[in-house]
Amino acid sequence: MTIDLKKFILLLNQIEQHFPALFLFTMKMKNAISTILLALIFHQAFSVTIEGGNYEGRPQFIIKTKTATYFYDKAGGGFSRMIDKEGKDWISFKKDPLSEYPISAGAGFRGLPNMVFGNEDGGAGHPGHDKCVSEILNEHTIITKSKSGKWEWIWEFEEKFARLTVKKTDPNHPYWFLYEGTIGGKFSPTYHYWGTDKGGPNNEIYDFYKGKKLFEKWNWIYFGDKQIDRVLFLLHQTPDDKEDVLGYLGNSDKGIDSEDGMVVFGFGRAKGSKPQMTAENNSFIIGFLEKRIEDGQGHDKAKKKIEKLKK
């Protein structure tokens, strides 16, 4: 049964006119209706929703928040898309070709967090693979388990960010946390910039295909496009002393001059493509900041916002 609230309020007004003694009762009813309406408006504007969907022929969870729409590959256990408020996809996974170097930099290599690599569970946490089972735990949380039973993690979605917590790991195989995708929706390194807890913004371009990679130890990083008023940030909420990597991988032997490709960033990815992390209850946060970062002052403002989430 549905109730037309406007007609119900009109009815209450008529009751007041004909039965003044019921004035207090009708006022309480009107206040209650106002509270309900405000709650509905607030819920619609700021809630997190999770529903089923499909992308690239694969079942997805589609998570909608105030600042982003995420596509989560159920069997892969990772994000295939992360779409901002303007419709730009910062991951842009495509299933074909899935795993051919370097051409898959424009397709199947893309994803987040692409966690497990180089063992029988390789591909767990990566869209396009079939190593996981994912379920909705509650209205804002997804839980993923590897089919082997050795891995488990949860994603919690808030209005402005999402948090990954790695609950269970295979002690015999380290992992990493990767962002491999399209900054601002496209591969265009000359327009891209980045910054970390060590400083920024930076415009240096490291050509991954030609062996130029930056290895450092960072607690967080952001990526932006000079034409877009927004950056994507990735925070290691439980930082460690493991080596991290940054570079740009084109999808051809032209390297960064290729027509397509992706940024390669990894927490816990050491030289030789070696995963480094082993900890359980390891947490990471991703999200958008709605501001272009053009100078040190802008970087400092972004730093304050990102580091508030470390607590």
Protein backbone atom coordinates (compact mmCIF):
# COMPACT_ATOMS: atom_id res chain seq x y z
CA MET A 1 0.00 0.00 0.00
CA THR A 2 1.32 3.48 -0.91
CA ILE A 3 0.43 6.79 0.71
CA ASP A 4 0.32 10.18 -1.09
CA LEU A 5 1.98 12.34 1.57
CA LYS A 6 0.75 15.61 0.02
CA LYS A 7 -2.86 14.45 0.14
CA PHE A 8 -2.33 13.18 3.68
CA ILE A 9 -1.10 16.63 4.80
CA LEU A 10 -4.13 18.26 3.13
CA LEU A 11 -6.35 15.87 5.06
CA LEU A 12 -4.61 16.86 8.30
CA ASN A 13 -5.23 20.55 7.48
CA GLN A 14 -8.94 19.82 7.01
CA ILE A 15 -9.05 17.96 10.31
CA GLU A 16 -7.51 21.03 12.03
CA GLN A 17 -10.19 23.29 10.56
CA HIS A 18 -13.10 21.12 11.64
CA PHE A 19 -11.69 19.74 14.88
CA PRO A 20 -9.48 22.40 16.55
CA ALA A 21 -9.01 20.17 19.59
CA LEU A 22 -6.91 17.85 17.45
CA PHE A 23 -4.43 20.62 16.58
CA LEU A 24 -1.54 19.17 18.62
CA PHE A 25 -2.10 15.72 17.12
CA THR A 26 -2.04 17.01 13.54
CA MET A 27 1.07 19.11 14.20
CA LYS A 28 2.91 16.06 15.50
CA MET A 29 1.88 14.12 12.40
CA LYS A 30 3.15 16.90 10.11
CA ASN A 31 6.48 17.02 11.96
CA ALA A 32 6.82 13.26 11.64
CA ILE A 33 6.15 13.44 7.89
CA SER A 34 8.73 16.22 7.49
CA THR A 35 11.31 14.09 9.31
CA ILE A 36 10.57 11.12 7.05
CA LEU A 37 10.89 13.26 3.91
CA LEU A 38 14.22 14.73 5.04
CA ALA A 39 15.51 11.25 5.82
CA LEU A 40 14.50 10.01 2.37
CA ILE A 41 16.19 12.98 0.67
CA PHE A 42 19.38 12.47 2.71
CA HIS A 43 19.40 8.74 1.96
CA GLN A 44 18.94 9.30 -1.76
CA ALA A 45 21.69 11.92 -1.92
CA PHE A 46 24.37 10.25 0.17
CA SER A 47 23.76 6.54 0.49
CA VAL A 48 25.86 3.73 -0.93
CA THR A 49 24.05 1.28 -3.20
CA ILE A 50 25.24 -2.11 -4.41
CA GLU A 51 23.46 -3.92 -7.22
CA GLY A 52 24.19 -6.62 -9.76
CA GLY A 53 25.30 -5.88 -13.31
CA ASN A 54 27.46 -6.93 -16.22
CA TYR A 55 30.55 -5.58 -17.95
CA GLU A 56 32.65 -7.15 -20.68
CA GLY A 57 30.41 -10.20 -20.44
CA ARG A 58 31.29 -10.76 -16.79
CA PRO A 59 29.06 -10.49 -13.68
CA GLN A 60 29.77 -7.39 -11.61
CA PHE A 61 28.73 -5.66 -8.45
CA ILE A 62 28.00 -2.02 -9.33
CA ILE A 63 28.58 0.23 -6.34
CA LYS A 64 27.30 3.80 -6.52
CA THR A 65 28.50 6.45 -4.08
CA LYS A 66 28.49 10.24 -3.91
CA THR A 67 31.78 10.59 -5.80
CA ALA A 68 32.27 7.39 -7.82
CA THR A 69 30.68 4.38 -9.46
CA TYR A 70 32.69 1.18 -9.07
CA PHE A 71 32.37 -2.01 -11.14
CA TYR A 72 33.61 -4.99 -9.13
CA ASP A 73 34.29 -8.24 -11.01
CA LYS A 74 32.72 -10.94 -8.83
CA ALA A 75 34.89 -13.85 -10.00
CA GLY A 76 38.02 -11.73 -10.37
CA GLY A 77 37.71 -10.06 -6.99
CA GLY A 78 38.85 -6.67 -8.27
CA PHE A 79 37.64 -3.48 -9.92
CA SER A 80 37.21 -3.36 -13.67
CA ARG A 81 35.95 0.23 -13.70
CA MET A 82 36.08 3.29 -11.43
CA ILE A 83 33.98 6.05 -12.93
CA ASP A 84 34.04 9.64 -11.68
CA LYS A 85 31.15 12.11 -11.61
CA GLU A 86 31.89 13.19 -15.20
CA GLY A 87 31.73 9.65 -16.53
CA LYS A 88 35.48 9.16 -16.94
CA ASP A 89 36.72 5.63 -16.22
CA TRP A 90 40.01 5.60 -14.33
CA ILE A 91 40.58 1.84 -14.81
CA SER A 92 39.02 0.91 -18.20
CA PHE A 93 39.53 -2.86 -18.05
CA LYS A 94 38.86 -4.84 -21.25
CA LYS A 95 38.95 -8.62 -21.30
CA ASP A 96 40.69 -9.07 -24.68
CA PRO A 97 43.56 -9.57 -24.83
CA LEU A 98 43.75 -10.59 -21.19
CA SER A 99 47.42 -11.34 -20.73
CA GLU A 100 49.75 -10.48 -23.63
CA TYR A 101 52.73 -8.20 -23.07
CA PRO A 102 52.63 -5.30 -23.78
CA ILE A 103 49.36 -5.12 -25.74
CA SER A 104 47.25 -5.99 -22.67
CA ALA A 105 48.31 -2.68 -21.12
CA GLY A 106 45.39 -1.35 -23.15
CA ALA A 107 43.06 -4.11 -22.00
CA GLY A 108 43.38 -7.07 -19.62
CA PHE A 109 46.32 -5.92 -17.49
CA ARG A 110 44.18 -3.10 -16.12
CA GLY A 111 42.49 -3.40 -12.76
CA LEU A 112 42.71 -2.77 -9.03
CA PRO A 113 44.07 -4.18 -6.70
CA ASN A 114 45.39 -7.07 -8.87
CA MET A 115 46.77 -8.60 -5.69
CA VAL A 116 47.89 -12.19 -6.23
CA PHE A 117 50.59 -13.01 -8.79
CA GLY A 118 52.87 -15.86 -9.72
CA ASN A 119 51.28 -18.89 -8.02
CA GLU A 120 48.23 -21.14 -8.28
CA ASP A 121 46.02 -18.29 -7.03
CA GLY A 122 47.50 -15.85 -9.54
CA GLY A 123 44.75 -13.57 -10.81
CA ALA A 124 42.86 -13.38 -7.51
CA GLY A 125 41.98 -9.74 -6.99
CA HIS A 126 42.21 -9.04 -10.73
CA PRO A 127 39.22 -8.46 -13.07
CA GLY A 128 38.95 -10.94 -15.90
CA HIS A 129 40.13 -13.93 -13.89
CA ASP A 130 38.02 -16.62 -12.22
CA LYS A 131 39.81 -17.32 -8.95
CA CYS A 132 37.31 -15.82 -6.49
CA VAL A 133 33.81 -15.82 -5.10
CA SER A 134 32.36 -12.46 -4.00
CA GLU A 135 29.25 -11.71 -1.96
CA ILE A 136 27.49 -8.70 -0.45
CA LEU A 137 28.17 -8.73 3.29
CA ASN A 138 25.94 -5.75 4.13
CA GLU A 139 24.61 -2.58 2.50
CA HIS A 140 28.10 -1.09 2.05
CA THR A 141 30.50 -4.06 2.19
CA ILE A 142 31.62 -6.79 -0.23
CA ILE A 143 33.55 -9.87 0.89
CA THR A 144 35.74 -11.87 -1.49
CA LYS A 145 37.32 -15.27 -0.93
CA SER A 146 39.64 -17.16 -3.24
CA LYS A 147 38.36 -20.51 -4.46
CA SER A 148 41.43 -22.10 -2.87
CA GLY A 149 40.35 -20.81 0.55
CA LYS A 150 43.75 -19.21 1.14
CA TRP A 151 42.76 -15.57 0.60
CA GLU A 152 40.02 -13.32 1.92
CA TRP A 153 39.43 -9.56 1.83
CA ILE A 154 36.62 -7.05 2.24
CA TRP A 155 35.81 -3.76 0.55
CA GLU A 156 33.90 -1.17 2.57
CA PHE A 157 32.33 1.71 0.62
CA GLU A 158 31.78 5.18 2.02
CA GLU A 159 30.47 8.34 0.34
CA LYS A 160 33.92 9.59 -0.68
CA PHE A 161 36.21 6.55 -0.59
CA ALA A 162 36.49 2.78 -0.44
CA ARG A 163 38.61 0.76 1.97
CA LEU A 164 40.21 -2.63 1.34
CA THR A 165 41.16 -4.82 4.31
CA VAL A 166 43.09 -7.99 3.58
CA LYS A 167 41.76 -10.46 6.16
CA LYS A 168 43.49 -13.69 5.16
CA THR A 169 46.60 -14.41 3.10
CA ASP A 170 48.65 -17.36 1.92
CA PRO A 171 51.76 -17.18 4.15
CA ASN A 172 53.82 -18.86 1.42
CA HIS A 173 53.09 -16.25 -1.23
CA PRO A 174 53.49 -12.47 -0.81
CA TYR A 175 51.09 -10.07 -2.55
CA TRP A 176 50.98 -6.50 -3.77
CA PHE A 177 48.37 -3.74 -4.24
CA LEU A 178 48.33 -2.38 -7.78
CA TYR A 179 46.58 0.39 -9.62
CA GLU A 180 46.83 -0.26 -13.34
CA GLY A 181 44.51 1.98 -15.29
CA THR A 182 43.74 5.14 -17.22
CA ILE A 183 44.27 8.41 -15.39
CA GLY A 184 41.33 10.65 -16.18
CA GLY A 185 39.91 8.04 -18.52
CA LYS A 186 42.71 7.83 -21.08
CA PHE A 187 46.39 7.03 -21.58
CA SER A 188 48.11 10.34 -22.07
CA PRO A 189 51.31 10.52 -19.97
CA THR A 190 52.28 14.02 -21.11
CA TYR A 191 49.09 15.37 -19.51
CA HIS A 192 49.36 13.30 -16.34
CA TYR A 193 50.92 14.21 -13.02
CA TRP A 194 51.33 12.58 -9.64
CA GLY A 195 52.30 13.33 -6.05
CA THR A 196 53.19 11.36 -2.94
CA ASP A 197 53.89 11.86 0.75
CA LYS A 198 57.43 12.75 -0.42
CA GLY A 199 56.22 15.74 -2.50
CA GLY A 200 54.43 16.91 -5.61
CA PRO A 201 52.95 17.54 -8.04
CA ASN A 202 55.42 15.77 -10.34
CA ASN A 203 55.42 15.50 -14.13
CA GLU A 204 58.21 12.95 -14.56
CA ILE A 205 57.35 10.15 -16.99
CA TYR A 206 58.89 6.71 -16.47
CA ASP A 207 58.65 4.46 -19.54
CA PHE A 208 57.94 1.03 -18.08
CA TYR A 209 58.35 -0.85 -21.38
CA LYS A 210 61.83 0.61 -21.88
CA GLY A 211 62.90 -0.35 -18.36
CA LYS A 212 62.49 3.06 -16.73
CA LYS A 213 60.70 2.62 -13.42
CA LEU A 214 60.72 4.58 -10.21
CA PHE A 215 61.16 2.56 -7.02
CA GLU A 216 60.53 4.24 -3.68
CA LYS A 217 58.75 3.75 -0.37
CA TRP A 218 55.51 5.72 -0.22
CA ASN A 219 52.57 5.88 2.17
CA TRP A 220 50.22 7.39 -0.42
CA ILE A 221 50.03 8.69 -3.96
CA TYR A 222 47.64 10.65 -6.13
CA PHE A 223 47.24 10.83 -9.91
CA GLY A 224 45.73 13.60 -12.02
CA ASP A 225 45.29 14.93 -15.52
CA LYS A 226 46.09 18.58 -16.22
CA GLN A 227 42.74 19.01 -17.99
CA ILE A 228 40.60 17.59 -15.16
CA ASP A 229 39.63 19.12 -11.79
CA ARG A 230 40.05 15.85 -9.89
CA VAL A 231 42.68 13.40 -8.66
CA LEU A 232 42.57 9.76 -7.68
CA PHE A 233 44.39 8.93 -4.45
CA LEU A 234 45.59 5.62 -3.03
CA LEU A 235 46.55 5.41 0.63
CA HIS A 236 48.29 2.57 2.42
CA GLN A 237 46.50 2.95 5.75
CA THR A 238 48.83 0.47 7.47
CA PRO A 239 52.15 1.53 5.93
CA ASP A 240 55.28 -0.62 5.87
CA ASP A 241 58.88 -0.44 4.65
CA LYS A 242 58.30 -2.41 1.44
CA GLU A 243 59.40 -1.11 -1.95
CA ASP A 244 56.81 0.48 -4.26
CA VAL A 245 56.90 1.15 -8.02
CA LEU A 246 55.64 3.70 -10.53
CA GLY A 247 55.75 3.83 -14.33
CA TYR A 248 53.73 4.12 -17.55
CA LEU A 249 53.30 1.05 -19.75
CA GLY A 250 52.29 1.55 -23.38
CA ASN A 251 50.59 -1.25 -25.28
CA SER A 252 53.26 -1.48 -27.98
CA ASP A 253 57.02 -1.31 -28.45
CA LYS A 254 56.64 2.48 -28.77
CA GLY A 255 56.43 2.65 -24.98
CA ILE A 256 54.91 5.87 -23.68
CA ASP A 257 54.30 6.98 -27.28
CA SER A 258 51.87 4.10 -27.80
CA GLU A 259 48.26 4.86 -28.72
CA ASP A 260 47.03 3.20 -25.54
CA GLY A 261 48.35 1.91 -22.24
CA MET A 262 48.11 2.40 -18.50
CA VAL A 263 49.84 3.73 -15.44
CA VAL A 264 51.51 1.04 -13.33
CA PHE A 265 51.62 1.77 -9.61
CA GLY A 266 52.18 -0.78 -6.90
CA PHE A 267 52.43 -0.82 -3.14
CA GLY A 268 54.77 -3.69 -2.27
CA ARG A 269 56.02 -4.35 -5.80
CA ALA A 270 59.80 -4.63 -5.85
CA LYS A 271 62.32 -4.88 -8.67
CA GLY A 272 61.84 -7.94 -10.84
CA SER A 273 58.04 -7.80 -10.40
CA LYS A 274 58.26 -9.37 -6.96
CA PRO A 275 55.33 -9.05 -4.52
CA GLN A 276 56.53 -8.06 -1.05
CA MET A 277 53.62 -7.88 1.38
CA THR A 278 52.52 -10.71 3.67
CA ALA A 279 50.56 -8.97 6.45
CA GLU A 280 46.95 -9.73 7.29
CA ASN A 281 44.60 -6.91 8.35
CA ASN A 282 46.46 -4.72 5.88
CA SER A 283 44.29 -1.76 4.80
CA PHE A 284 44.22 0.51 1.76
CA ILE A 285 41.93 3.40 0.82
CA ILE A 286 41.08 4.72 -2.64
CA GLY A 287 39.01 7.72 -3.61
CA PHE A 288 38.72 10.97 -5.54
CA LEU A 289 39.59 14.48 -4.43
CA GLU A 290 37.56 17.01 -6.40
CA LYS A 291 40.39 19.42 -7.12
CA ARG A 292 43.14 19.79 -9.71
CA ILE A 293 46.58 20.05 -8.06
CA GLU A 294 48.77 22.62 -9.77
CA ASP A 295 51.41 23.61 -7.22
CA GLY A 296 52.90 22.95 -3.81
CA GLN A 297 50.06 24.71 -2.04
CA GLY A 298 47.53 22.47 -3.74
CA HIS A 299 49.65 19.45 -2.87
CA ASP A 300 49.70 20.44 0.80
CA LYS A 301 45.90 20.74 0.85
CA ALA A 302 45.58 17.29 -0.71
CA LYS A 303 48.07 15.91 1.78
CA LYS A 304 45.95 17.09 4.72
CA LYS A 305 42.83 15.46 3.30
CA ILE A 306 44.55 12.17 2.52
CA GLU A 307 46.42 11.89 5.80
CA LYS A 308 43.23 12.47 7.80
CA LEU A 309 42.20 9.02 6.58
CA LYS A 310 45.27 7.36 8.09
CA LYS A 311 43.64 7.35 11.52
